[in-house]
Amino acid sequence: MAASLLVVLPVFGLIGLGYLARWARLLRESTGEGLSDFVFVLAVPCLLFRTLATADIPATQPWGYWIAYFAGLAVVWGLAMLIASRVFARKGPELVVCGFAAAQSNTIFVGIPMILKAYGDAGAVPLGLLLAVHLPVTMTAATLLAEGRSASIPLLLKRLFTHPIIVGIILGMAARPVAGLIPAPVWTLVDLLSKAAVPCALIGLGIAMRRYGLESGLALPAVLSGLKLGLHPLLVYWLARHVFEMPAHWSGVAVLFAACPCGINAYLFAERYRQGVADASSAITLSTLLSLFSTAAWLAFLGLG
């Protein structure tokens, strides 16, 4: 339990710093929106570019591993949108934000240290595979869902191929064959922007929490947190252990990856569309707090606690 607490303390520290800075009026509300725009338009695309351009993706794909994780993700995403629509009257991009929050994992602060501590070097390869495609897949799906309902096909294609996240993904895949030829100063610039993504996003989230508080109440964030921390890893466990054949450390990595709390990108996505920000910020904070207990339980269940 203490190890889990130490893992998530930096998350709350940066969120709290943004919250207190806004409470003390050291920062303006517009600062949070500016930070979110910076992260979404520059920092995260650079992070995706670097990840995809340099990721060690094997030629033969472990399809059972992919299906086990992303099938669970798809079920949770769809269920979150259904509940948000039928029970909480959310609609449009708000629905997408709810699905995104329930399905996308906080891998940087929670997933990586927890999984590497649990499985060591043996977990590095399956973890790296998920890291390489997790954010591109979820961001692309969220963008398609948000943009595809009212846009014509030409307009949808235009929006997709001018979308900062999609541009980062496309450029990262295109750069893979020539990644070693890219000059060092370019990589330095990309690294500087990439490393700014997480702290800027968390401080921006703290500012947003000061603005919105628990405006959306506890009910919907609690549902989203329950889907993320409980149902998602449970589905992945069943698929990875009982449907597909894979080594125990591969299935364990997938389960722990799914058991991570709601990721910061749901908040960034909500800020981008200016809808669902209160839902996203509350779900991220509540799920991160609850993950102190849920991740410890999953580690014990997998025989690692």
Protein backbone atom coordinates (compact mmCIF):
# COMPACT_ATOMS: atom_id res chain seq x y z
CA MET A 1 0.00 0.00 0.00
CA ALA A 2 2.83 2.38 0.87
CA ALA A 3 4.46 1.76 -2.51
CA SER A 4 1.20 2.56 -4.31
CA LEU A 5 0.89 5.76 -2.29
CA LEU A 6 4.39 6.85 -3.26
CA VAL A 7 3.59 6.22 -6.93
CA VAL A 8 0.54 8.49 -7.05
CA LEU A 9 1.73 11.23 -4.68
CA PRO A 10 3.45 13.19 -7.51
CA VAL A 11 0.14 13.19 -9.41
CA PHE A 12 -1.71 14.75 -6.50
CA GLY A 13 1.23 17.05 -5.82
CA LEU A 14 1.10 18.67 -9.24
CA ILE A 15 -2.71 18.77 -9.32
CA GLY A 16 -2.67 20.34 -5.84
CA LEU A 17 -0.05 22.86 -6.90
CA GLY A 18 -2.26 24.04 -9.75
CA TYR A 19 -5.29 24.13 -7.46
CA LEU A 20 -3.52 26.14 -4.75
CA ALA A 21 -1.93 28.53 -7.24
CA ARG A 22 -5.38 29.34 -8.63
CA TRP A 23 -6.92 29.53 -5.12
CA ALA A 24 -4.20 32.03 -4.11
CA ARG A 25 -4.79 33.91 -7.38
CA LEU A 26 -1.21 33.42 -8.45
CA LEU A 27 -2.55 32.04 -11.73
CA ARG A 28 -5.58 33.01 -13.79
CA GLU A 29 -8.23 30.61 -15.10
CA SER A 30 -7.05 31.44 -18.62
CA THR A 31 -3.63 30.05 -17.63
CA GLY A 32 -5.15 26.59 -17.27
CA GLU A 33 -6.79 26.82 -20.68
CA GLY A 34 -3.50 28.00 -22.17
CA LEU A 35 -1.60 25.11 -20.58
CA SER A 36 -4.17 22.66 -21.92
CA ASP A 37 -3.90 24.12 -25.42
CA PHE A 38 -0.10 23.91 -25.27
CA VAL A 39 -0.16 20.29 -24.12
CA PHE A 40 -2.78 19.24 -26.67
CA VAL A 41 -1.34 21.10 -29.68
CA LEU A 42 2.41 20.74 -29.09
CA ALA A 43 3.52 18.60 -26.15
CA VAL A 44 1.36 15.46 -26.60
CA PRO A 45 1.87 15.34 -30.40
CA CYS A 46 5.62 15.47 -29.78
CA LEU A 47 5.30 12.73 -27.16
CA LEU A 48 3.40 10.55 -29.65
CA PHE A 49 5.88 11.33 -32.41
CA ARG A 50 8.84 10.30 -30.26
CA THR A 51 7.09 7.16 -28.94
CA LEU A 52 5.99 5.86 -32.33
CA ALA A 53 9.18 6.83 -34.18
CA THR A 54 11.41 4.96 -31.72
CA ALA A 55 9.18 2.17 -30.33
CA ASP A 56 10.41 -1.41 -30.73
CA ILE A 57 7.32 -2.95 -32.34
CA PRO A 58 7.82 -6.61 -33.39
CA ALA A 59 7.10 -7.71 -36.94
CA THR A 60 4.80 -10.50 -35.72
CA GLN A 61 2.06 -8.96 -33.64
CA PRO A 62 0.73 -10.68 -30.47
CA TRP A 63 -2.91 -10.44 -31.56
CA GLY A 64 -4.29 -12.22 -28.49
CA TYR A 65 -2.55 -9.67 -26.28
CA TRP A 66 -3.92 -6.74 -28.29
CA ILE A 67 -7.46 -8.16 -28.42
CA ALA A 68 -7.54 -8.97 -24.70
CA TYR A 69 -6.64 -5.43 -23.73
CA PHE A 70 -8.51 -3.39 -26.34
CA ALA A 71 -11.67 -5.54 -26.28
CA GLY A 72 -11.97 -4.78 -22.57
CA LEU A 73 -11.29 -1.13 -23.30
CA ALA A 74 -14.01 -1.01 -25.97
CA VAL A 75 -16.62 -2.61 -23.68
CA VAL A 76 -15.88 -0.19 -20.85
CA TRP A 77 -15.87 2.81 -23.20
CA GLY A 78 -19.23 1.87 -24.70
CA LEU A 79 -20.78 1.09 -21.33
CA ALA A 80 -19.60 4.42 -19.89
CA MET A 81 -21.17 6.31 -22.79
CA LEU A 82 -24.41 4.35 -22.44
CA ILE A 83 -24.69 5.06 -18.70
CA ALA A 84 -23.72 8.71 -19.14
CA SER A 85 -26.38 9.12 -21.80
CA ARG A 86 -29.27 7.18 -20.24
CA VAL A 87 -28.73 7.99 -16.55
CA PHE A 88 -26.90 11.33 -16.51
CA ALA A 89 -28.27 12.94 -19.71
CA ARG A 90 -24.86 13.64 -21.21
CA LYS A 91 -24.68 14.14 -24.96
CA GLY A 92 -22.31 15.02 -27.81
CA PRO A 93 -18.63 15.41 -26.91
CA GLU A 94 -19.56 15.06 -23.22
CA LEU A 95 -20.39 11.43 -23.92
CA VAL A 96 -17.04 10.90 -25.64
CA VAL A 97 -15.25 12.44 -22.65
CA CYS A 98 -17.04 10.02 -20.30
CA GLY A 99 -16.08 7.01 -22.42
CA PHE A 100 -12.52 8.28 -22.79
CA ALA A 101 -12.17 8.82 -19.02
CA ALA A 102 -13.42 5.31 -18.22
CA ALA A 103 -11.19 3.57 -20.76
CA GLN A 104 -7.89 5.44 -21.02
CA SER A 105 -5.23 4.66 -18.39
CA ASN A 106 -2.80 6.85 -16.49
CA THR A 107 0.30 5.06 -17.68
CA ILE A 108 3.02 7.66 -17.10
CA PHE A 109 2.66 8.16 -13.35
CA VAL A 110 1.02 4.91 -12.28
CA GLY A 111 1.30 2.24 -14.98
CA ILE A 112 5.02 2.32 -15.77
CA PRO A 113 6.44 2.33 -12.21
CA MET A 114 3.86 -0.14 -10.91
CA ILE A 115 4.32 -2.67 -13.75
CA LEU A 116 8.10 -2.49 -13.82
CA LYS A 117 8.23 -2.89 -10.05
CA ALA A 118 5.92 -5.91 -10.27
CA TYR A 119 7.52 -7.73 -13.22
CA GLY A 120 10.95 -6.14 -13.67
CA ASP A 121 12.68 -6.58 -17.03
CA ALA A 122 10.27 -9.37 -18.02
CA GLY A 123 7.44 -6.85 -18.15
CA ALA A 124 9.31 -4.28 -20.24
CA VAL A 125 8.44 -5.73 -23.67
CA PRO A 126 4.66 -6.19 -23.18
CA LEU A 127 4.54 -2.83 -21.40
CA GLY A 128 6.38 -1.12 -24.25
CA LEU A 129 4.00 -2.60 -26.81
CA LEU A 130 0.97 -1.20 -25.02
CA LEU A 131 2.61 2.17 -24.45
CA ALA A 132 3.38 2.45 -28.16
CA VAL A 133 -0.24 2.12 -29.28
CA HIS A 134 -2.42 2.91 -26.24
CA LEU A 135 -2.59 6.70 -26.55
CA PRO A 136 -2.69 6.79 -30.38
CA VAL A 137 -5.59 4.31 -30.44
CA THR A 138 -7.63 6.02 -27.72
CA MET A 139 -7.00 9.54 -29.01
CA THR A 140 -7.90 8.54 -32.57
CA ALA A 141 -11.09 6.81 -31.38
CA ALA A 142 -12.10 9.81 -29.28
CA THR A 143 -11.49 12.19 -32.17
CA LEU A 144 -13.50 10.06 -34.58
CA LEU A 145 -16.41 9.83 -32.13
CA ALA A 146 -16.39 13.55 -31.39
CA GLU A 147 -15.96 14.73 -34.98
CA GLY A 148 -17.82 12.03 -36.86
CA ARG A 149 -21.38 12.58 -35.74
CA SER A 150 -22.07 15.85 -37.54
CA ALA A 151 -19.31 16.13 -40.11
CA SER A 152 -19.41 15.06 -43.76
CA ILE A 153 -16.73 12.64 -44.89
CA PRO A 154 -14.56 15.36 -46.58
CA LEU A 155 -14.90 17.62 -43.53
CA LEU A 156 -14.18 14.71 -41.19
CA LEU A 157 -11.01 13.83 -43.13
CA LYS A 158 -9.93 17.46 -43.07
CA ARG A 159 -10.46 17.69 -39.32
CA LEU A 160 -8.65 14.42 -38.70
CA PHE A 161 -5.60 15.22 -40.80
CA THR A 162 -5.26 18.70 -39.30
CA HIS A 163 -5.85 17.45 -35.75
CA PRO A 164 -2.63 17.89 -33.69
CA ILE A 165 -2.83 14.40 -32.16
CA ILE A 166 -3.43 12.67 -35.48
CA VAL A 167 -0.63 14.69 -37.09
CA GLY A 168 1.75 13.56 -34.32
CA ILE A 169 0.74 9.92 -34.89
CA ILE A 170 1.14 10.11 -38.68
CA LEU A 171 4.51 11.84 -38.49
CA GLY A 172 5.74 9.37 -35.86
CA MET A 173 4.85 6.37 -38.03
CA ALA A 174 6.34 8.03 -41.11
CA ALA A 175 9.59 8.77 -39.26
CA ARG A 176 10.21 5.18 -38.14
CA PRO A 177 12.37 4.18 -41.15
CA VAL A 178 14.53 7.32 -40.86
CA ALA A 179 14.49 7.90 -37.10
CA GLY A 180 18.23 7.30 -36.87
CA LEU A 181 18.90 9.99 -39.47
CA ILE A 182 17.03 12.75 -37.64
CA PRO A 183 19.57 15.29 -36.29
CA ALA A 184 20.21 15.34 -32.53
CA PRO A 185 19.01 18.96 -32.09
CA VAL A 186 15.61 17.95 -33.47
CA TRP A 187 15.32 15.12 -30.96
CA THR A 188 16.36 17.52 -28.18
CA LEU A 189 13.54 19.88 -29.16
CA VAL A 190 11.04 17.00 -29.34
CA ASP A 191 12.19 15.67 -25.94
CA LEU A 192 11.85 19.07 -24.27
CA LEU A 193 8.29 19.47 -25.50
CA SER A 194 7.42 15.84 -24.67
CA LYS A 195 8.65 16.10 -21.09
CA ALA A 196 6.52 19.20 -20.53
CA ALA A 197 3.31 17.33 -21.36
CA VAL A 198 2.60 15.62 -18.03
CA PRO A 199 3.47 18.40 -15.52
CA CYS A 200 1.73 21.09 -17.56
CA ALA A 201 -1.34 18.91 -18.00
CA LEU A 202 -1.59 18.12 -14.27
CA ILE A 203 -1.17 21.74 -13.21
CA GLY A 204 -3.82 22.72 -15.76
CA LEU A 205 -6.08 20.04 -14.28
CA GLY A 206 -5.58 21.51 -10.81
CA ILE A 207 -6.64 24.93 -12.10
CA ALA A 208 -9.70 23.37 -13.71
CA MET A 209 -10.61 21.59 -10.46
CA ARG A 210 -10.52 24.90 -8.61
CA ARG A 211 -12.88 26.30 -11.22
CA TYR A 212 -15.29 23.37 -11.47
CA GLY A 213 -14.93 21.64 -8.10
CA LEU A 214 -17.37 18.73 -7.91
CA GLU A 215 -19.80 20.54 -10.16
CA SER A 216 -20.82 17.26 -11.78
CA GLY A 217 -21.38 15.63 -8.37
CA LEU A 218 -19.90 12.32 -7.27
CA ALA A 219 -22.26 9.88 -8.96
CA LEU A 220 -20.96 9.98 -12.53
CA PRO A 221 -17.25 10.20 -11.56
CA ALA A 222 -17.82 7.24 -9.22
CA VAL A 223 -19.35 5.21 -12.05
CA LEU A 224 -16.48 6.07 -14.40
CA SER A 225 -13.92 5.23 -11.69
CA GLY A 226 -15.62 1.90 -10.99
CA LEU A 227 -15.59 0.96 -14.68
CA LYS A 228 -11.93 1.95 -15.00
CA LEU A 229 -10.55 0.36 -11.85
CA GLY A 230 -12.84 -2.67 -11.62
CA LEU A 231 -14.53 -3.80 -14.80
CA HIS A 232 -11.74 -2.96 -17.27
CA PRO A 233 -9.02 -5.06 -15.57
CA LEU A 234 -11.55 -7.81 -14.83
CA LEU A 235 -12.47 -8.14 -18.52
CA VAL A 236 -8.81 -8.06 -19.55
CA TYR A 237 -7.97 -10.73 -16.97
CA TRP A 238 -10.71 -13.07 -18.22
CA LEU A 239 -9.72 -12.64 -21.88
CA ALA A 240 -5.97 -12.88 -21.26
CA ARG A 241 -6.15 -15.89 -18.93
CA HIS A 242 -9.13 -17.90 -20.23
CA VAL A 243 -9.60 -17.00 -23.91
CA PHE A 244 -6.12 -16.35 -25.33
CA GLU A 245 -2.87 -18.13 -24.58
CA MET A 246 0.03 -15.97 -23.42
CA PRO A 247 2.74 -16.05 -20.75
CA ALA A 248 1.62 -15.10 -17.24
CA HIS A 249 3.72 -11.93 -17.18
CA TRP A 250 2.13 -10.75 -20.45
CA SER A 251 -1.41 -11.23 -19.11
CA GLY A 252 -0.39 -9.64 -15.81
CA VAL A 253 1.00 -6.54 -17.54
CA ALA A 254 -2.23 -6.16 -19.52
CA VAL A 255 -4.34 -6.46 -16.35
CA LEU A 256 -2.26 -3.94 -14.38
CA PHE A 257 -2.24 -1.57 -17.35
CA ALA A 258 -6.05 -1.73 -17.40
CA ALA A 259 -6.21 -1.29 -13.61
CA CYS A 260 -4.57 2.15 -13.75
CA PRO A 261 -6.76 5.18 -12.89
CA CYS A 262 -8.32 7.47 -15.49
CA GLY A 263 -5.67 9.18 -17.63
CA ILE A 264 -5.04 12.91 -17.91
CA ASN A 265 -5.83 12.89 -21.63
CA ALA A 266 -9.57 12.75 -20.96
CA TYR A 267 -9.27 16.14 -19.28
CA LEU A 268 -7.15 17.53 -22.14
CA PHE A 269 -9.72 16.26 -24.64
CA ALA A 270 -12.55 17.84 -22.64
CA GLU A 271 -10.72 21.17 -22.48
CA ARG A 272 -10.15 21.04 -26.22
CA TYR A 273 -13.89 20.76 -26.89
CA ARG A 274 -14.86 22.86 -23.84
CA GLN A 275 -17.34 20.16 -22.78
CA GLY A 276 -17.27 17.59 -20.01
CA VAL A 277 -14.34 19.20 -18.17
CA ALA A 278 -15.95 18.86 -14.73
CA ASP A 279 -16.74 15.18 -15.36
CA ALA A 280 -13.20 14.43 -16.54
CA SER A 281 -11.38 16.30 -13.77
CA SER A 282 -13.53 14.70 -11.03
CA ALA A 283 -13.17 11.19 -12.49
CA ILE A 284 -9.38 11.51 -12.77
CA THR A 285 -8.98 12.70 -9.18
CA LEU A 286 -11.42 10.19 -7.66
CA SER A 287 -10.04 7.22 -9.60
CA THR A 288 -6.46 8.17 -8.71
CA LEU A 289 -7.37 8.28 -5.03
CA LEU A 290 -9.24 4.97 -5.19
CA SER A 291 -6.39 3.36 -7.13
CA LEU A 292 -4.31 3.43 -3.95
CA PHE A 293 -6.47 0.52 -2.80
CA SER A 294 -7.53 -1.08 -6.10
CA THR A 295 -4.03 -1.46 -7.55
CA ALA A 296 -2.83 -3.04 -4.31
CA ALA A 297 -5.75 -5.47 -4.53
CA TRP A 298 -4.95 -6.40 -8.14
CA LEU A 299 -1.28 -6.91 -7.32
CA ALA A 300 -2.29 -9.28 -4.51
CA PHE A 301 -4.80 -11.07 -6.76
CA LEU A 302 -2.11 -11.66 -9.37
CA GLY A 303 0.21 -13.03 -6.67
CA LEU A 304 2.53 -10.03 -6.74
CA GLY A 305 1.49 -8.22 -3.56
